Amino acid sequence: MGSGLSGNVSWDDYSSSSNGYTAKTDGFGFSFSSRNGRFVTNNLSVGFDAQWNESETETNYGSLDQYNENKRLGFIGLWSRYYFPFIRTGWAIFPEFSIGYASYNSIFD
């Protein structure tokens, strides 16, 4: 049986200029992913996958306008891989099939 856990945290803070206007962007985001599985026969593995991503960004165009964007993505499901090994190398390639439920929400104001 194998399992994995990964995640990240990010911050955005940058400015850009175009046609005499300057935009300043600030943001924050994070993601989390867990993939667990096991081999059921030679070269065939099946498992469970859970993912969560969120980000929030604010862009300010000086006195002109300000925009906020919030994104949220969640996924839960099952996956399967079949490994095609290269002879005597320890390497393999694999196609992967996944099925599950995803929820995505984006708010831009």
C-alpha atoms as a PDB file:
ATOM      1  CA  MET A   1       0.000   0.000   0.000  1.00  0.00           C
ATOM      2  CA  GLY A   2       1.250   3.474  -0.816  1.00  0.00           C
ATOM      3  CA  SER A   3       0.030   6.882   0.162  1.00  0.00           C
ATOM      4  CA  GLY A   4       1.026  10.436  -0.421  1.00  0.00           C
ATOM      5  CA  LEU A   5       0.243  13.836   0.960  1.00  0.00           C
ATOM      6  CA  SER A   6       1.197  17.132  -0.637  1.00  0.00           C
ATOM      7  CA  GLY A   7       0.294  20.755  -0.259  1.00  0.00           C
ATOM      8  CA  ASN A   8       1.479  24.281  -0.783  1.00  0.00           C
ATOM      9  CA  VAL A   9       0.876  27.830   0.358  1.00  0.00           C
ATOM     10  CA  SER A  10       1.386  30.828  -1.924  1.00  0.00           C
ATOM     11  CA  TRP A  11       1.344  34.609  -1.661  1.00  0.00           C
ATOM     12  CA  ASP A  12       1.080  37.055  -4.567  1.00  0.00           C
ATOM     13  CA  ASP A  13       2.348  40.622  -4.386  1.00  0.00           C
ATOM     14  CA  TYR A  14       3.172  42.305  -7.694  1.00  0.00           C
ATOM     15  CA  SER A  15       2.511  45.365  -9.828  1.00  0.00           C
ATOM     16  CA  SER A  16       2.092  45.770 -13.572  1.00  0.00           C
ATOM     17  CA  SER A  17       1.764  48.787 -15.854  1.00  0.00           C
ATOM     18  CA  SER A  18       0.040  49.238 -19.205  1.00  0.00           C
ATOM     19  CA  ASN A  19      -1.107  52.338 -21.120  1.00  0.00           C
ATOM     20  CA  GLY A  20      -0.202  54.601 -18.211  1.00  0.00           C
ATOM     21  CA  TYR A  21      -2.201  52.623 -15.637  1.00  0.00           C
ATOM     22  CA  THR A  22      -0.666  50.657 -12.779  1.00  0.00           C
ATOM     23  CA  ALA A  23      -2.308  47.598 -11.248  1.00  0.00           C
ATOM     24  CA  LYS A  24      -1.267  46.181  -7.868  1.00  0.00           C
ATOM     25  CA  THR A  25      -2.211  42.595  -7.041  1.00  0.00           C
ATOM     26  CA  ASP A  26      -2.192  40.907  -3.631  1.00  0.00           C
ATOM     27  CA  GLY A  27      -3.279  37.343  -3.040  1.00  0.00           C
ATOM     28  CA  PHE A  28      -3.103  34.195  -0.989  1.00  0.00           C
ATOM     29  CA  GLY A  29      -3.715  30.547  -1.858  1.00  0.00           C
ATOM     30  CA  PHE A  30      -3.235  27.020  -0.610  1.00  0.00           C
ATOM     31  CA  SER A  31      -3.738  23.476  -1.837  1.00  0.00           C
ATOM     32  CA  PHE A  32      -3.894  20.035  -0.281  1.00  0.00           C
ATOM     33  CA  SER A  33      -3.860  16.664  -2.007  1.00  0.00           C
ATOM     34  CA  SER A  34      -3.823  13.100  -0.717  1.00  0.00           C
ATOM     35  CA  ARG A  35      -3.470  10.055  -2.939  1.00  0.00           C
ATOM     36  CA  ASN A  36      -3.614   6.571  -1.458  1.00  0.00           C
ATOM     37  CA  GLY A  37      -3.558   3.240  -3.252  1.00  0.00           C
ATOM     38  CA  ARG A  38      -2.327  -0.307  -3.494  1.00  0.00           C
ATOM     39  CA  PHE A  39      -1.413  -2.897  -6.098  1.00  0.00           C
ATOM     40  CA  VAL A  40      -4.212  -5.435  -6.584  1.00  0.00           C
ATOM     41  CA  THR A  41      -2.284  -7.555  -9.141  1.00  0.00           C
ATOM     42  CA  ASN A  42       1.010  -7.260 -10.990  1.00  0.00           C
ATOM     43  CA  ASN A  43       1.212  -3.826 -12.656  1.00  0.00           C
ATOM     44  CA  LEU A  44      -2.351  -2.760 -11.650  1.00  0.00           C
ATOM     45  CA  SER A  45      -2.997  -0.329  -8.808  1.00  0.00           C
ATOM     46  CA  VAL A  46      -6.203   1.276  -7.523  1.00  0.00           C
ATOM     47  CA  GLY A  47      -6.753   3.974  -4.962  1.00  0.00           C
ATOM     48  CA  PHE A  48      -8.504   6.972  -3.450  1.00  0.00           C
ATOM     49  CA  ASP A  49      -7.848  10.660  -4.229  1.00  0.00           C
ATOM     50  CA  ALA A  50      -8.836  13.829  -2.317  1.00  0.00           C
ATOM     51  CA  GLN A  51      -7.902  17.396  -3.323  1.00  0.00           C
ATOM     52  CA  TRP A  52      -8.696  20.902  -2.065  1.00  0.00           C
ATOM     53  CA  ASN A  53      -7.519  24.237  -3.560  1.00  0.00           C
ATOM     54  CA  GLU A  54      -8.416  27.778  -2.532  1.00  0.00           C
ATOM     55  CA  SER A  55      -7.153  31.172  -3.674  1.00  0.00           C
ATOM     56  CA  GLU A  56      -8.076  34.774  -3.046  1.00  0.00           C
ATOM     57  CA  THR A  57      -6.751  37.658  -5.170  1.00  0.00           C
ATOM     58  CA  GLU A  58      -7.331  41.407  -4.958  1.00  0.00           C
ATOM     59  CA  THR A  59      -6.300  43.687  -7.841  1.00  0.00           C
ATOM     60  CA  ASN A  60      -6.365  47.450  -7.383  1.00  0.00           C
ATOM     61  CA  TYR A  61      -6.209  49.781 -10.409  1.00  0.00           C
ATOM     62  CA  GLY A  62      -5.504  52.915  -8.376  1.00  0.00           C
ATOM     63  CA  SER A  63      -8.504  55.236  -8.273  1.00  0.00           C
ATOM     64  CA  LEU A  64     -10.147  53.453 -11.215  1.00  0.00           C
ATOM     65  CA  ASP A  65     -11.401  50.193  -9.789  1.00  0.00           C
ATOM     66  CA  GLN A  66     -10.732  47.190  -7.569  1.00  0.00           C
ATOM     67  CA  TYR A  67     -11.465  43.533  -8.321  1.00  0.00           C
ATOM     68  CA  ASN A  68     -11.599  40.549  -5.980  1.00  0.00           C
ATOM     69  CA  GLU A  69     -11.474  36.949  -7.135  1.00  0.00           C
ATOM     70  CA  ASN A  70     -12.064  33.911  -4.923  1.00  0.00           C
ATOM     71  CA  LYS A  71     -11.680  30.372  -6.249  1.00  0.00           C
ATOM     72  CA  ARG A  72     -12.395  27.064  -4.530  1.00  0.00           C
ATOM     73  CA  LEU A  73     -11.962  23.564  -5.980  1.00  0.00           C
ATOM     74  CA  GLY A  74     -12.626  20.261  -4.247  1.00  0.00           C
ATOM     75  CA  PHE A  75     -12.346  16.712  -5.605  1.00  0.00           C
ATOM     76  CA  ILE A  76     -12.907  13.273  -4.141  1.00  0.00           C
ATOM     77  CA  GLY A  77     -12.731  10.075  -6.159  1.00  0.00           C
ATOM     78  CA  LEU A  78     -11.133   6.803  -7.180  1.00  0.00           C
ATOM     79  CA  TRP A  79      -8.242   6.159  -9.573  1.00  0.00           C
ATOM     80  CA  SER A  80      -6.545   3.240 -11.295  1.00  0.00           C
ATOM     81  CA  ARG A  81      -3.208   2.824 -13.095  1.00  0.00           C
ATOM     82  CA  TYR A  82      -1.785   0.072 -15.242  1.00  0.00           C
ATOM     83  CA  TYR A  83       2.025   0.081 -15.397  1.00  0.00           C
ATOM     84  CA  PHE A  84       3.891  -0.920 -18.567  1.00  0.00           C
ATOM     85  CA  PRO A  85       7.455  -1.649 -17.381  1.00  0.00           C
ATOM     86  CA  PHE A  86      10.540  -1.244 -19.558  1.00  0.00           C
ATOM     87  CA  ILE A  87      12.458  -4.536 -19.453  1.00  0.00           C
ATOM     88  CA  ARG A  88      15.388  -4.569 -16.959  1.00  0.00           C
ATOM     89  CA  THR A  89      15.336  -0.794 -16.345  1.00  0.00           C
ATOM     90  CA  GLY A  90      13.152  -0.326 -13.256  1.00  0.00           C
ATOM     91  CA  TRP A  91      11.161   2.290 -15.218  1.00  0.00           C
ATOM     92  CA  ALA A  92       7.523   2.135 -16.335  1.00  0.00           C
ATOM     93  CA  ILE A  93       4.917   4.268 -18.078  1.00  0.00           C
ATOM     94  CA  PHE A  94       1.262   4.202 -17.102  1.00  0.00           C
ATOM     95  CA  PRO A  95      -2.127   5.477 -18.190  1.00  0.00           C
ATOM     96  CA  GLU A  96      -4.379   6.598 -15.353  1.00  0.00           C
ATOM     97  CA  PHE A  97      -8.154   6.563 -15.061  1.00  0.00           C
ATOM     98  CA  SER A  98      -9.973   8.633 -12.453  1.00  0.00           C
ATOM     99  CA  ILE A  99     -13.623   9.021 -11.561  1.00  0.00           C
ATOM    100  CA  GLY A 100     -15.125  11.129  -8.825  1.00  0.00           C
ATOM    101  CA  TYR A 101     -16.965  14.246  -7.759  1.00  0.00           C
ATOM    102  CA  ALA A 102     -15.557  17.750  -8.244  1.00  0.00           C
ATOM    103  CA  SER A 103     -16.926  21.056  -7.010  1.00  0.00           C
ATOM    104  CA  TYR A 104     -15.661  24.392  -8.374  1.00  0.00           C
ATOM    105  CA  ASN A 105     -16.724  27.850  -7.245  1.00  0.00           C
ATOM    106  CA  SER A 106     -15.386  31.156  -8.575  1.00  0.00           C
ATOM    107  CA  ILE A 107     -16.538  34.602  -7.437  1.00  0.00           C
ATOM    108  CA  PHE A 108     -15.324  37.690  -9.274  1.00  0.00           C
ATOM    109  CA  ASP A 109     -16.472  41.097  -8.065  1.00  0.00           C
END
